């Protein structure tokens, strides 16, 4: 808000209201953007689903059981490591009706299901780094802010 920088990152997922649509991947795109700007890698064993609103709140999605079970099956075939799982909107927890093998793996700590409410919660799970604040060193948002400051400096220096 306080930086005189014109920066645009456009993410658009059309909502089709049929079997497969794209807005449930919108949080994933924001995590990728935050990872790139902070230069903090994202855990590759965690699948993500959930649309976001303009306040950074994760919104409910459709097909939560199918999404979890689909990713679980891929992980099971490749070998469960205990580091794999799925982040879902917290609102969708009440919709869970999973196959017994998924439930067993979760109980044994071989697979994880994370119910989240905000982008902050999700980025912390994916990176292992606190989301924090732009003024708190070592946090995701601090590092994003530092990158934006570098962008501004580069723009000013190249005038």
N, C-alpha and C. Protein backbone atom coordinates (compact mmCIF):
# COMPACT_ATOMS: atom_id res chain seq x y z
N UNK A 1 0.80 -1.20 0.00
CA UNK A 1 0.00 0.00 0.00
C UNK A 1 0.84 1.26 0.00
N UNK A 2 2.02 1.22 0.63
CA UNK A 2 2.81 2.43 0.78
C UNK A 2 3.94 2.53 -0.24
N UNK A 3 3.93 1.69 -1.27
CA UNK A 3 5.02 1.69 -2.25
C UNK A 3 4.52 2.18 -3.60
N UNK A 4 5.20 3.18 -4.16
CA UNK A 4 4.79 3.72 -5.45
C UNK A 4 5.24 2.81 -6.59
N UNK A 5 4.61 1.68 -6.71
CA UNK A 5 5.00 0.70 -7.71
C UNK A 5 3.75 0.19 -8.41
N UNK A 6 3.80 0.18 -9.70
CA UNK A 6 2.69 -0.39 -10.45
C UNK A 6 3.03 -1.84 -10.73
N UNK A 7 2.34 -2.72 -10.06
CA UNK A 7 2.58 -4.15 -10.19
C UNK A 7 1.24 -4.82 -10.39
N UNK A 8 1.17 -5.66 -11.38
CA UNK A 8 -0.09 -6.34 -11.64
C UNK A 8 0.15 -7.84 -11.71
N UNK A 9 -0.64 -8.57 -10.95
CA UNK A 9 -0.65 -10.03 -11.03
C UNK A 9 -2.11 -10.41 -11.18
N UNK A 10 -2.46 -10.87 -12.35
CA UNK A 10 -3.85 -11.18 -12.63
C UNK A 10 -4.07 -12.68 -12.61
N UNK A 11 -5.01 -13.09 -11.80
CA UNK A 11 -5.38 -14.50 -11.73
C UNK A 11 -6.87 -14.57 -12.00
N UNK A 12 -7.25 -15.33 -13.00
CA UNK A 12 -8.66 -15.43 -13.34
C UNK A 12 -9.03 -16.88 -13.56
N UNK A 13 -10.01 -17.33 -12.82
CA UNK A 13 -10.54 -18.67 -13.00
C UNK A 13 -12.03 -18.53 -13.24
N UNK A 14 -12.47 -19.00 -14.35
CA UNK A 14 -13.89 -18.90 -14.68
C UNK A 14 -14.68 -19.93 -13.88
N UNK A 15 -15.78 -19.52 -13.33
CA UNK A 15 -16.67 -20.41 -12.60
C UNK A 15 -17.73 -20.89 -13.58
N UNK A 16 -17.70 -22.18 -13.90
CA UNK A 16 -18.62 -22.72 -14.88
C UNK A 16 -19.84 -23.39 -14.27
N UNK A 17 -19.77 -23.72 -12.99
CA UNK A 17 -20.87 -24.36 -12.28
C UNK A 17 -21.29 -25.69 -12.90
N UNK A 18 -20.31 -26.43 -13.35
CA UNK A 18 -20.58 -27.81 -13.75
C UNK A 18 -19.48 -28.67 -13.16
N UNK A 19 -19.28 -29.87 -13.67
CA UNK A 19 -18.39 -30.83 -13.04
C UNK A 19 -16.99 -30.33 -12.73
N UNK A 20 -16.38 -29.61 -13.64
CA UNK A 20 -15.00 -29.17 -13.44
C UNK A 20 -14.93 -27.68 -13.74
N UNK A 21 -14.40 -26.93 -12.81
CA UNK A 21 -14.18 -25.51 -13.05
C UNK A 21 -12.87 -25.12 -12.40
N UNK A 22 -12.53 -23.84 -12.44
CA UNK A 22 -11.19 -23.48 -12.05
C UNK A 22 -11.00 -22.61 -10.84
N UNK A 23 -12.04 -22.02 -10.28
CA UNK A 23 -11.78 -21.07 -9.21
C UNK A 23 -11.28 -21.74 -7.94
N UNK A 24 -11.46 -23.05 -7.80
CA UNK A 24 -10.96 -23.71 -6.59
C UNK A 24 -9.44 -23.83 -6.60
N UNK A 25 -8.81 -23.40 -7.66
CA UNK A 25 -7.34 -23.37 -7.70
C UNK A 25 -6.80 -21.96 -7.46
N UNK A 26 -7.66 -21.00 -7.19
CA UNK A 26 -7.19 -19.62 -7.07
C UNK A 26 -6.25 -19.42 -5.88
N UNK A 27 -6.47 -20.13 -4.78
CA UNK A 27 -5.53 -20.00 -3.66
C UNK A 27 -4.16 -20.53 -4.04
N UNK A 28 -4.14 -21.58 -4.84
CA UNK A 28 -2.88 -22.18 -5.29
C UNK A 28 -2.04 -21.16 -6.05
N UNK A 29 -2.68 -20.40 -6.91
CA UNK A 29 -1.96 -19.38 -7.67
C UNK A 29 -1.38 -18.30 -6.77
N UNK A 30 -2.13 -17.91 -5.74
CA UNK A 30 -1.61 -16.91 -4.81
C UNK A 30 -0.42 -17.46 -4.03
N UNK A 31 -0.48 -18.73 -3.61
CA UNK A 31 0.66 -19.33 -2.92
C UNK A 31 1.89 -19.33 -3.81
N UNK A 32 1.71 -19.62 -5.10
CA UNK A 32 2.84 -19.61 -6.03
C UNK A 32 3.43 -18.21 -6.15
N UNK A 33 2.57 -17.20 -6.21
CA UNK A 33 3.04 -15.82 -6.28
C UNK A 33 3.80 -15.43 -5.02
N UNK A 34 3.26 -15.77 -3.85
CA UNK A 34 3.94 -15.46 -2.58
C UNK A 34 5.27 -16.19 -2.48
N UNK A 35 5.31 -17.43 -2.93
CA UNK A 35 6.55 -18.20 -2.91
C UNK A 35 7.60 -17.56 -3.80
N UNK A 36 7.19 -17.15 -4.99
CA UNK A 36 8.12 -16.52 -5.92
C UNK A 36 8.66 -15.21 -5.37
N UNK A 37 7.77 -14.37 -4.86
CA UNK A 37 8.21 -13.07 -4.34
C UNK A 37 9.04 -13.18 -3.08
N UNK A 38 8.76 -14.17 -2.25
CA UNK A 38 9.53 -14.33 -1.00
C UNK A 38 10.77 -15.18 -1.20
N UNK A 39 10.82 -15.89 -2.32
CA UNK A 39 11.90 -16.84 -2.61
C UNK A 39 11.96 -17.97 -1.59
N UNK A 40 10.80 -18.35 -1.06
CA UNK A 40 10.68 -19.48 -0.14
C UNK A 40 9.99 -20.61 -0.91
N UNK A 41 10.64 -21.77 -1.01
CA UNK A 41 10.01 -22.87 -1.75
C UNK A 41 8.79 -23.42 -1.03
N UNK A 42 7.90 -23.97 -1.81
CA UNK A 42 6.67 -24.59 -1.30
C UNK A 42 6.87 -26.10 -1.24
N UNK A 43 6.36 -26.71 -0.17
CA UNK A 43 6.40 -28.17 -0.05
C UNK A 43 5.65 -28.79 -1.22
N UNK A 44 6.29 -29.73 -1.90
CA UNK A 44 5.71 -30.31 -3.10
C UNK A 44 4.82 -31.52 -2.83
N UNK A 45 4.74 -31.97 -1.60
CA UNK A 45 3.91 -33.12 -1.27
C UNK A 45 2.53 -32.76 -0.79
N UNK A 46 2.19 -31.49 -0.84
CA UNK A 46 0.89 -31.06 -0.34
C UNK A 46 0.06 -30.49 -1.49
N UNK A 47 -1.08 -31.11 -1.73
CA UNK A 47 -2.01 -30.60 -2.74
C UNK A 47 -2.86 -29.51 -2.12
N UNK A 48 -3.31 -28.58 -2.94
CA UNK A 48 -4.06 -27.43 -2.45
C UNK A 48 -5.35 -27.27 -3.25
N UNK A 49 -6.42 -27.00 -2.55
CA UNK A 49 -7.67 -26.63 -3.20
C UNK A 49 -8.36 -25.57 -2.35
N UNK A 50 -9.07 -24.71 -2.99
CA UNK A 50 -9.79 -23.66 -2.27
C UNK A 50 -9.75 -22.36 -3.03
N UNK A 51 -10.90 -21.77 -3.19
CA UNK A 51 -10.95 -20.44 -3.80
C UNK A 51 -10.72 -19.41 -2.69
N UNK A 52 -10.40 -18.20 -3.10
CA UNK A 52 -10.17 -17.14 -2.11
C UNK A 52 -11.04 -15.93 -2.43
N UNK A 53 -11.32 -15.17 -1.38
CA UNK A 53 -12.01 -13.90 -1.61
C UNK A 53 -10.98 -12.78 -1.50
N UNK A 54 -11.43 -11.54 -1.63
CA UNK A 54 -10.50 -10.41 -1.65
C UNK A 54 -9.87 -10.13 -0.30
N UNK A 55 -10.35 -10.77 0.76
CA UNK A 55 -9.78 -10.59 2.09
C UNK A 55 -8.78 -11.68 2.44
N UNK A 56 -8.52 -12.59 1.50
CA UNK A 56 -7.58 -13.67 1.76
C UNK A 56 -8.20 -14.84 2.52
N UNK A 57 -9.52 -14.88 2.54
CA UNK A 57 -10.21 -15.97 3.22
C UNK A 57 -10.46 -17.11 2.23
N UNK A 58 -10.22 -18.33 2.69
CA UNK A 58 -10.43 -19.50 1.86
C UNK A 58 -11.91 -19.84 1.85
N UNK A 59 -12.44 -20.10 0.66
CA UNK A 59 -13.86 -20.37 0.51
C UNK A 59 -14.10 -21.83 0.13
N UNK A 60 -15.25 -22.33 0.49
CA UNK A 60 -15.61 -23.72 0.23
C UNK A 60 -15.57 -24.05 -1.26
N UNK A 61 -15.31 -25.31 -1.53
CA UNK A 61 -15.22 -25.80 -2.91
C UNK A 61 -16.10 -27.05 -3.06
N UNK A 62 -16.29 -27.48 -4.28
CA UNK A 62 -17.02 -28.71 -4.55
C UNK A 62 -16.06 -29.87 -4.76
N UNK A 63 -16.57 -31.08 -4.62
CA UNK A 63 -15.78 -32.27 -4.90
C UNK A 63 -14.63 -32.53 -3.96
N UNK A 64 -14.77 -32.12 -2.70
CA UNK A 64 -13.64 -32.23 -1.77
C UNK A 64 -13.20 -33.68 -1.57
N UNK A 65 -14.13 -34.61 -1.46
CA UNK A 65 -13.76 -36.00 -1.25
C UNK A 65 -13.00 -36.57 -2.45
N UNK A 66 -13.48 -36.27 -3.63
CA UNK A 66 -12.83 -36.76 -4.84
C UNK A 66 -11.43 -36.18 -4.99
N UNK A 67 -11.27 -34.92 -4.64
CA UNK A 67 -9.95 -34.29 -4.74
C UNK A 67 -8.97 -34.92 -3.77
N UNK A 68 -9.40 -35.12 -2.53
CA UNK A 68 -8.52 -35.74 -1.53
C UNK A 68 -8.18 -37.16 -1.94
N UNK A 69 -9.19 -37.94 -2.30
CA UNK A 69 -8.95 -39.34 -2.64
C UNK A 69 -8.12 -39.49 -3.90
N UNK A 70 -8.29 -38.60 -4.86
CA UNK A 70 -7.47 -38.64 -6.06
C UNK A 70 -6.01 -38.40 -5.76
N UNK A 71 -5.72 -37.38 -4.96
CA UNK A 71 -4.32 -37.11 -4.61
C UNK A 71 -3.76 -38.21 -3.71
N UNK A 72 -4.57 -38.70 -2.79
CA UNK A 72 -4.13 -39.79 -1.93
C UNK A 72 -3.72 -41.00 -2.77
N UNK A 73 -4.50 -41.33 -3.77
CA UNK A 73 -4.20 -42.50 -4.61
C UNK A 73 -2.86 -42.32 -5.34
N UNK A 74 -2.60 -41.13 -5.83
CA UNK A 74 -1.30 -40.87 -6.47
C UNK A 74 -0.18 -41.07 -5.46
N UNK A 75 -0.34 -40.50 -4.27
CA UNK A 75 0.68 -40.62 -3.22
C UNK A 75 0.86 -42.08 -2.80
N UNK A 76 -0.24 -42.81 -2.66
CA UNK A 76 -0.16 -44.21 -2.25
C UNK A 76 0.61 -45.03 -3.28
N UNK A 77 0.35 -44.79 -4.55
CA UNK A 77 1.05 -45.54 -5.61
C UNK A 77 2.54 -45.20 -5.65
N UNK A 78 2.86 -43.97 -5.33
CA UNK A 78 4.27 -43.56 -5.34
C UNK A 78 4.96 -43.84 -4.02
N UNK A 79 4.19 -44.15 -3.00
CA UNK A 79 4.73 -44.42 -1.67
C UNK A 79 4.44 -43.29 -0.71
N UNK A 80 3.69 -43.60 0.33
CA UNK A 80 3.37 -42.58 1.33
C UNK A 80 4.61 -42.28 2.17
N UNK A 81 4.90 -41.01 2.34
CA UNK A 81 6.11 -40.59 3.05
C UNK A 81 5.83 -39.99 4.42
N UNK A 82 4.58 -39.66 4.70
CA UNK A 82 4.25 -38.95 5.93
C UNK A 82 4.31 -37.45 5.78
N UNK A 83 4.82 -36.98 4.64
CA UNK A 83 4.90 -35.55 4.36
C UNK A 83 3.85 -35.09 3.36
N UNK A 84 3.01 -36.01 2.92
CA UNK A 84 2.02 -35.68 1.90
C UNK A 84 0.67 -35.37 2.54
N UNK A 85 -0.12 -34.60 1.81
CA UNK A 85 -1.45 -34.29 2.31
C UNK A 85 -2.16 -33.32 1.40
N UNK A 86 -3.32 -32.87 1.86
CA UNK A 86 -4.14 -31.94 1.10
C UNK A 86 -4.62 -30.83 2.02
N UNK A 87 -4.51 -29.60 1.54
CA UNK A 87 -5.10 -28.45 2.24
C UNK A 87 -6.46 -28.18 1.63
N UNK A 88 -7.47 -28.12 2.49
CA UNK A 88 -8.83 -27.87 2.03
C UNK A 88 -9.43 -26.72 2.83
N UNK A 89 -10.47 -26.10 2.30
CA UNK A 89 -11.17 -25.08 3.09
C UNK A 89 -11.75 -25.70 4.36
N UNK A 90 -11.60 -25.00 5.47
CA UNK A 90 -12.12 -25.50 6.74
C UNK A 90 -13.63 -25.77 6.66
N UNK A 91 -14.34 -24.96 5.87
CA UNK A 91 -15.78 -25.15 5.74
C UNK A 91 -16.14 -26.51 5.15
N UNK A 92 -15.22 -27.11 4.39
CA UNK A 92 -15.49 -28.39 3.75
C UNK A 92 -15.26 -29.60 4.65
N UNK A 93 -14.75 -29.39 5.85
CA UNK A 93 -14.49 -30.53 6.74
C UNK A 93 -15.78 -31.30 7.01
N UNK A 94 -16.89 -30.59 7.14
CA UNK A 94 -18.17 -31.27 7.41
C UNK A 94 -18.63 -32.13 6.24
N UNK A 95 -18.06 -31.91 5.05
CA UNK A 95 -18.44 -32.67 3.86
C UNK A 95 -17.61 -33.93 3.67
N UNK A 96 -16.63 -34.16 4.54
CA UNK A 96 -15.73 -35.29 4.33
C UNK A 96 -16.45 -36.62 4.56
N UNK A 97 -16.27 -37.50 3.59
CA UNK A 97 -16.78 -38.86 3.63
C UNK A 97 -15.79 -39.70 2.83
N UNK A 98 -14.65 -39.97 3.45
CA UNK A 98 -13.51 -40.55 2.75
C UNK A 98 -13.47 -42.06 2.88
N UNK A 99 -12.81 -42.69 1.88
CA UNK A 99 -12.60 -44.13 1.92
C UNK A 99 -11.78 -44.50 3.16
N UNK A 100 -11.98 -45.69 3.63
CA UNK A 100 -11.33 -46.16 4.85
C UNK A 100 -9.80 -46.13 4.75
N UNK A 101 -9.22 -46.40 3.57
CA UNK A 101 -7.76 -46.39 3.44
C UNK A 101 -7.19 -44.99 3.65
N UNK A 102 -7.93 -43.96 3.25
CA UNK A 102 -7.49 -42.58 3.48
C UNK A 102 -7.55 -42.27 4.97
N UNK A 103 -8.64 -42.63 5.60
CA UNK A 103 -8.81 -42.39 7.04
C UNK A 103 -7.71 -43.09 7.83
N UNK A 104 -7.41 -44.32 7.47
CA UNK A 104 -6.36 -45.09 8.15
C UNK A 104 -5.01 -44.40 8.00
N UNK A 105 -4.68 -43.96 6.79
CA UNK A 105 -3.40 -43.29 6.56
C UNK A 105 -3.30 -41.99 7.35
N UNK A 106 -4.40 -41.27 7.47
CA UNK A 106 -4.40 -40.03 8.25
C UNK A 106 -4.17 -40.36 9.72
N UNK A 107 -4.88 -41.36 10.24
CA UNK A 107 -4.72 -41.76 11.64
C UNK A 107 -3.30 -42.21 11.95
N UNK A 108 -2.65 -42.84 10.97
CA UNK A 108 -1.28 -43.34 11.15
C UNK A 108 -0.23 -42.26 10.89
N UNK A 109 -0.65 -41.06 10.49
CA UNK A 109 0.29 -39.98 10.22
C UNK A 109 1.01 -40.11 8.90
N UNK A 110 0.51 -40.96 8.02
CA UNK A 110 1.14 -41.16 6.71
C UNK A 110 0.61 -40.19 5.66
N UNK A 111 -0.52 -39.55 5.96
CA UNK A 111 -1.15 -38.62 5.04
C UNK A 111 -1.88 -37.59 5.91
N UNK A 112 -1.96 -36.36 5.43
CA UNK A 112 -2.53 -35.29 6.25
C UNK A 112 -3.62 -34.54 5.50
N UNK A 113 -4.61 -34.10 6.25
CA UNK A 113 -5.64 -33.23 5.71
C UNK A 113 -5.67 -31.99 6.59
N UNK A 114 -5.38 -30.85 5.97
CA UNK A 114 -5.32 -29.58 6.69
C UNK A 114 -6.55 -28.74 6.33
N UNK A 115 -7.37 -28.42 7.30
CA UNK A 115 -8.49 -27.52 7.09
C UNK A 115 -8.05 -26.10 7.43
N UNK A 116 -8.10 -25.21 6.45
CA UNK A 116 -7.61 -23.85 6.67
C UNK A 116 -8.69 -22.83 6.37
N UNK A 117 -8.54 -21.66 6.99
CA UNK A 117 -9.50 -20.56 6.81
C UNK A 117 -8.93 -19.38 6.04
N UNK A 118 -7.59 -19.23 6.07
CA UNK A 118 -6.98 -18.04 5.46
C UNK A 118 -5.73 -18.41 4.66
N UNK A 119 -5.36 -17.50 3.78
CA UNK A 119 -4.12 -17.65 3.02
C UNK A 119 -2.93 -17.71 3.98
N UNK A 120 -2.97 -16.93 5.05
CA UNK A 120 -1.88 -16.95 6.03
C UNK A 120 -1.65 -18.36 6.57
N UNK A 121 -2.72 -19.05 6.96
CA UNK A 121 -2.58 -20.41 7.47
C UNK A 121 -1.98 -21.33 6.42
N UNK A 122 -2.44 -21.19 5.19
CA UNK A 122 -1.96 -22.05 4.11
C UNK A 122 -0.49 -21.84 3.78
N UNK A 123 -0.06 -20.59 3.69
CA UNK A 123 1.34 -20.34 3.33
C UNK A 123 2.27 -20.85 4.42
N UNK A 124 1.83 -20.81 5.66
CA UNK A 124 2.65 -21.34 6.75
C UNK A 124 2.79 -22.86 6.65
N UNK A 125 1.71 -23.55 6.30
CA UNK A 125 1.78 -25.00 6.12
C UNK A 125 2.69 -25.35 4.95
N UNK A 126 2.55 -24.64 3.85
CA UNK A 126 3.30 -24.95 2.64
C UNK A 126 4.78 -24.62 2.73
N UNK A 127 5.14 -23.61 3.51
CA UNK A 127 6.54 -23.19 3.57
C UNK A 127 7.23 -23.52 4.88
N UNK A 128 6.45 -23.70 5.93
CA UNK A 128 7.05 -23.89 7.26
C UNK A 128 7.55 -22.59 7.86
N UNK A 129 7.20 -21.47 7.23
CA UNK A 129 7.63 -20.14 7.67
C UNK A 129 6.38 -19.35 8.07
N UNK A 130 6.43 -18.63 9.19
CA UNK A 130 5.26 -17.82 9.57
C UNK A 130 4.91 -16.79 8.50
N UNK A 131 3.62 -16.60 8.26
CA UNK A 131 3.18 -15.58 7.31
C UNK A 131 3.63 -14.21 7.81
N UNK A 132 3.38 -13.95 9.08
CA UNK A 132 3.89 -12.75 9.74
C UNK A 132 3.33 -11.45 9.24
N UNK A 133 4.23 -10.48 9.16
CA UNK A 133 3.87 -9.11 8.82
C UNK A 133 5.03 -8.51 8.04
N UNK A 134 4.77 -7.48 7.28
CA UNK A 134 5.83 -6.88 6.46
C UNK A 134 6.95 -6.28 7.30
N UNK A 135 6.70 -6.05 8.58
CA UNK A 135 7.72 -5.45 9.45
C UNK A 135 8.43 -6.47 10.34
N UNK A 136 8.12 -7.75 10.20
CA UNK A 136 8.70 -8.78 11.06
C UNK A 136 9.68 -9.62 10.24
N UNK A 137 11.00 -9.42 10.45
CA UNK A 137 12.00 -10.17 9.69
C UNK A 137 11.80 -11.68 9.82
N UNK A 138 12.11 -12.38 8.72
CA UNK A 138 12.02 -13.83 8.71
C UNK A 138 10.65 -14.38 8.40
N UNK A 139 9.69 -13.51 8.13
CA UNK A 139 8.35 -13.98 7.78
C UNK A 139 8.14 -13.88 6.28
N UNK A 140 7.15 -14.60 5.79
CA UNK A 140 6.86 -14.59 4.36
C UNK A 140 6.56 -13.17 3.88
N UNK A 141 5.69 -12.47 4.59
CA UNK A 141 5.29 -11.14 4.12
C UNK A 141 6.43 -10.13 4.22
N UNK A 142 7.31 -10.29 5.16
CA UNK A 142 8.50 -9.44 5.24
C UNK A 142 9.35 -9.64 3.99
N UNK A 143 9.58 -10.91 3.63
CA UNK A 143 10.41 -11.21 2.46
C UNK A 143 9.75 -10.74 1.17
N UNK A 144 8.44 -10.87 1.07
CA UNK A 144 7.72 -10.34 -0.09
C UNK A 144 7.92 -8.84 -0.17
N UNK A 145 7.79 -8.16 0.96
CA UNK A 145 7.97 -6.71 1.01
C UNK A 145 9.39 -6.32 0.59
N UNK A 146 10.38 -7.07 1.01
CA UNK A 146 11.76 -6.77 0.63
C UNK A 146 11.95 -6.89 -0.88
N UNK A 147 11.33 -7.91 -1.48
CA UNK A 147 11.41 -8.07 -2.93
C UNK A 147 10.74 -6.91 -3.64
N UNK A 148 9.59 -6.48 -3.16
CA UNK A 148 8.91 -5.34 -3.77
C UNK A 148 9.75 -4.07 -3.65
N UNK A 149 10.43 -3.91 -2.52
CA UNK A 149 11.33 -2.76 -2.35
C UNK A 149 12.46 -2.80 -3.38
N UNK A 150 12.98 -4.00 -3.66
CA UNK A 150 14.03 -4.14 -4.69
C UNK A 150 13.48 -3.76 -6.06
N UNK A 151 12.26 -4.18 -6.36
CA UNK A 151 11.64 -3.81 -7.63
C UNK A 151 11.56 -2.29 -7.76
N UNK A 152 11.13 -1.63 -6.70
CA UNK A 152 11.00 -0.17 -6.70
C UNK A 152 12.36 0.48 -6.92
N UNK A 153 13.37 -0.02 -6.21
CA UNK A 153 14.72 0.53 -6.35
C UNK A 153 15.21 0.37 -7.78
N UNK A 154 14.98 -0.79 -8.37
CA UNK A 154 15.41 -1.03 -9.76
C UNK A 154 14.71 -0.08 -10.73
N UNK A 155 13.43 0.17 -10.50
CA UNK A 155 12.68 1.09 -11.36
C UNK A 155 13.25 2.50 -11.22
N UNK A 156 13.49 2.91 -10.00
CA UNK A 156 14.03 4.26 -9.75
C UNK A 156 15.44 4.42 -10.31
N UNK A 157 16.27 3.39 -10.14
CA UNK A 157 17.65 3.46 -10.61
C UNK A 157 17.75 3.45 -12.13
N UNK A 158 16.76 2.93 -12.80
CA UNK A 158 16.79 2.83 -14.26
C UNK A 158 16.08 3.97 -14.96
N UNK A 159 15.72 5.01 -14.22
CA UNK A 159 15.07 6.17 -14.84
C UNK A 159 16.07 7.05 -15.52
